[in-house]
Amino acid sequence: MPTSKSTSPGARWPAARRTFASVLCALTLFACRESPNEPLPAERPPDFDDPAERNRLGKVLSRMEREAGELAKKVATKSGELSDLSREQVNRFLEELETYRPMLETAGYRMGSVRVRMGLVPAVTVVCTQQRRLAEDERSRVLAEYEQDQLKTLFLKLLFRSDQIELSGYGARAVWVTISLNPHATVILEPVT
């Protein structure tokens, strides 16, 4: 027996769009008040039989539509500008990434694949596998060698910190170092055979 598809707005819109639409409506409602000090209206159902109430609601809806359209244009413009900026930053980092190979070899790692995530907050993830484990004094020497470059120092610290993760019966297969607004390392552990 065929089932009918739901045509409600909630069923058609993914969760992210619903969330964005809710925030947009809340911001529009806030912006539609007559003055910043005007209190929000009391919670009561509108009286659609009252012509003055219908007129007031029509004006509010018209204003909301106008404000929502203007806000959507501003968001689109800003997100386009941010997208261009993030693309430039990612390209700059990818050009510099080739200089990381010798550093990683010195640190006992091999650089594998590179994953790039584009968006308002871009991210570049480099997959590294450990070739040999350095003693603590060797790690200090490698960090001192690159201390003038903050990004390389951060990268090395994330790698070295991830090497301290231990789980009985498991060994690190790879470390994914992500450079973004929130730099971090993800350690992939697998059973030791």
Protein backbone atom coordinates (compact mmCIF):
# COMPACT_ATOMS: atom_id res chain seq x y z
CA MET A 1 0.00 0.00 0.00
CA PRO A 2 1.61 3.29 -1.05
CA THR A 3 2.28 5.84 1.62
CA SER A 4 1.82 9.52 1.03
CA LYS A 5 4.79 11.81 1.47
CA SER A 6 4.49 14.46 4.11
CA THR A 7 4.38 17.93 2.64
CA SER A 8 4.74 19.85 5.88
CA PRO A 9 7.51 22.45 5.91
CA GLY A 10 9.30 20.51 8.65
CA ALA A 11 9.47 17.41 6.47
CA ARG A 12 10.80 19.32 3.47
CA TRP A 13 13.50 21.31 5.28
CA PRO A 14 16.60 19.68 6.72
CA ALA A 15 17.30 20.39 10.39
CA ALA A 16 20.00 22.99 9.65
CA ARG A 17 17.64 25.03 7.48
CA ARG A 18 14.90 24.84 10.11
CA THR A 19 17.37 26.05 12.75
CA PHE A 20 18.56 28.86 10.48
CA ALA A 21 14.97 29.82 9.70
CA SER A 22 14.10 29.89 13.41
CA VAL A 23 17.06 32.13 14.20
CA LEU A 24 16.23 34.36 11.24
CA CYS A 25 12.61 34.70 12.43
CA ALA A 26 13.70 35.51 15.99
CA LEU A 27 16.16 38.14 14.77
CA THR A 28 13.53 39.61 12.45
CA LEU A 29 10.96 39.78 15.24
CA PHE A 30 13.50 41.53 17.43
CA ALA A 31 14.36 43.98 14.65
CA CYS A 32 10.67 44.68 13.89
CA ARG A 33 9.90 46.26 17.26
CA GLU A 34 9.03 49.94 17.04
CA SER A 35 11.92 50.90 19.31
CA PRO A 36 14.70 48.96 21.08
CA ASN A 37 13.08 49.68 24.45
CA GLU A 38 9.62 48.50 23.41
CA PRO A 39 8.66 45.39 25.40
CA LEU A 40 7.78 42.26 23.48
CA PRO A 41 4.01 41.75 23.16
CA ALA A 42 2.31 39.61 25.77
CA GLU A 43 1.62 36.02 24.81
CA ARG A 44 -2.00 36.01 23.66
CA PRO A 45 -3.69 34.63 20.59
CA PRO A 46 -4.48 37.29 17.97
CA ASP A 47 -8.09 38.30 17.50
CA PHE A 48 -8.59 37.88 13.74
CA ASP A 49 -12.15 39.28 13.98
CA ASP A 50 -10.79 42.67 15.03
CA PRO A 51 -9.95 44.73 11.89
CA ALA A 52 -7.36 46.78 13.80
CA GLU A 53 -5.63 43.59 14.94
CA ARG A 54 -5.64 42.17 11.39
CA ASN A 55 -4.19 45.43 10.10
CA ARG A 56 -1.49 45.45 12.81
CA LEU A 57 -0.59 41.81 12.10
CA GLY A 58 -0.45 42.51 8.36
CA LYS A 59 1.99 45.35 8.97
CA VAL A 60 4.12 43.16 11.25
CA LEU A 61 4.21 40.37 8.66
CA SER A 62 5.12 42.80 5.87
CA ARG A 63 7.88 44.25 8.00
CA MET A 64 9.13 40.74 8.88
CA GLU A 65 9.25 39.77 5.21
CA ARG A 66 11.17 42.92 4.34
CA GLU A 67 13.61 42.54 7.27
CA ALA A 68 14.10 38.83 6.54
CA GLY A 69 14.91 39.60 2.91
CA GLU A 70 17.44 42.26 3.88
CA LEU A 71 18.99 39.99 6.51
CA ALA A 72 19.23 37.11 4.03
CA LYS A 73 21.03 39.39 1.54
CA LYS A 74 23.50 40.51 4.23
CA VAL A 75 24.15 36.92 5.30
CA ALA A 76 24.71 35.83 1.69
CA THR A 77 27.13 38.71 1.07
CA LYS A 78 29.11 38.08 4.26
CA SER A 79 29.26 34.33 3.76
CA GLY A 80 30.54 34.86 0.21
CA GLU A 81 33.27 37.18 1.50
CA LEU A 82 34.21 34.72 4.24
CA SER A 83 34.23 31.85 1.76
CA ASP A 84 36.67 33.74 -0.50
CA LEU A 85 38.89 34.54 2.49
CA SER A 86 38.86 30.93 3.71
CA ARG A 87 39.74 29.66 0.23
CA GLU A 88 42.75 32.00 0.16
CA GLN A 89 43.88 30.83 3.60
CA VAL A 90 43.54 27.16 2.68
CA ASN A 91 45.46 27.63 -0.57
CA ARG A 92 48.24 29.47 1.27
CA PHE A 93 48.50 26.65 3.83
CA LEU A 94 48.46 23.95 1.13
CA GLU A 95 51.33 25.69 -0.67
CA GLU A 96 53.31 25.72 2.57
CA LEU A 97 52.41 22.13 3.45
CA GLU A 98 55.13 20.64 1.25
CA THR A 99 57.71 22.20 3.59
CA TYR A 100 56.27 20.05 6.40
CA ARG A 101 57.61 16.76 4.94
CA PRO A 102 61.23 17.20 6.11
CA MET A 103 60.04 18.42 9.52
CA LEU A 104 57.79 15.39 9.91
CA GLU A 105 60.55 13.00 8.88
CA THR A 106 62.83 14.56 11.50
CA ALA A 107 60.01 14.12 14.05
CA GLY A 108 59.64 10.44 13.13
CA TYR A 109 56.43 10.73 11.08
CA ARG A 110 55.44 10.32 7.45
CA MET A 111 52.86 12.59 5.85
CA GLY A 112 50.03 10.75 4.12
CA SER A 113 46.81 12.04 2.67
CA VAL A 114 45.49 15.58 3.08
CA ARG A 115 41.80 16.36 3.63
CA VAL A 116 40.47 19.88 2.98
CA ARG A 117 37.13 21.07 4.38
CA MET A 118 35.77 24.28 2.87
CA GLY A 119 33.13 26.47 4.46
CA LEU A 120 32.86 29.47 6.72
CA VAL A 121 35.47 27.82 8.95
CA PRO A 122 37.92 25.95 6.71
CA ALA A 123 40.02 23.06 7.95
CA VAL A 124 42.98 21.12 6.60
CA THR A 125 43.62 17.66 8.05
CA VAL A 126 46.94 15.93 7.46
CA VAL A 127 47.15 12.19 8.08
CA CYS A 128 50.50 11.23 9.64
CA THR A 129 51.87 7.79 10.49
CA GLN A 130 54.62 7.30 13.02
CA GLN A 131 57.78 5.74 11.57
CA ARG A 132 59.83 5.84 14.78
CA ARG A 133 59.27 7.13 18.27
CA LEU A 134 61.57 9.91 19.43
CA ALA A 135 62.98 10.15 22.92
CA GLU A 136 61.90 13.17 24.96
CA ASP A 137 65.23 15.01 24.42
CA GLU A 138 64.98 14.46 20.64
CA ARG A 139 61.44 15.87 20.67
CA SER A 140 62.65 18.94 22.55
CA ARG A 141 65.42 19.42 19.98
CA VAL A 142 62.95 19.17 17.07
CA LEU A 143 60.55 21.64 18.74
CA ALA A 144 63.43 24.06 19.38
CA GLU A 145 64.45 23.83 15.72
CA TYR A 146 61.00 25.05 14.59
CA GLU A 147 60.14 27.38 17.49
CA GLN A 148 60.12 30.47 15.22
CA ASP A 149 57.25 29.06 13.17
CA GLN A 150 54.15 28.99 15.40
CA LEU A 151 52.07 26.83 13.07
CA LYS A 152 54.78 24.18 12.69
CA THR A 153 55.36 24.21 16.45
CA LEU A 154 51.63 23.72 17.04
CA PHE A 155 51.57 20.90 14.49
CA LEU A 156 54.49 19.12 16.20
CA LYS A 157 53.01 19.58 19.67
CA LEU A 158 49.73 18.05 18.53
CA LEU A 159 51.61 15.08 17.06
CA PHE A 160 53.76 14.56 20.14
CA ARG A 161 50.79 14.93 22.50
CA SER A 162 48.79 12.37 20.54
CA ASP A 163 51.64 9.88 20.94
CA GLN A 164 50.91 9.82 24.68
CA ILE A 165 47.49 8.16 24.14
CA GLU A 166 47.63 4.55 25.30
CA LEU A 167 45.04 1.79 25.37
CA SER A 168 45.93 -1.75 26.37
CA GLY A 169 46.14 -4.00 23.33
CA TYR A 170 45.95 -1.11 20.87
CA GLY A 171 48.53 0.89 18.96
CA ALA A 172 48.32 4.15 17.06
CA ARG A 173 47.71 3.52 13.37
CA ALA A 174 47.58 7.15 12.32
CA VAL A 175 47.26 10.66 13.66
CA TRP A 176 45.03 13.16 11.89
CA VAL A 177 46.25 16.67 12.64
CA THR A 178 43.62 19.29 11.84
CA ILE A 179 44.57 22.93 11.39
CA SER A 180 41.52 25.16 11.68
CA LEU A 181 39.90 27.61 14.05
CA ASN A 182 40.03 24.77 16.59
CA PRO A 183 43.33 22.91 15.91
CA HIS A 184 43.32 19.34 17.16
CA ALA A 185 44.67 15.85 16.62
CA THR A 186 42.65 12.66 16.20
CA VAL A 187 44.42 9.40 17.02
CA ILE A 188 43.33 6.25 15.17
CA LEU A 189 44.01 3.19 17.34
CA GLU A 190 43.76 -0.39 16.16
CA PRO A 191 44.35 -3.73 17.87
CA VAL A 192 47.96 -4.87 18.04
CA THR A 193 48.40 -8.36 16.59
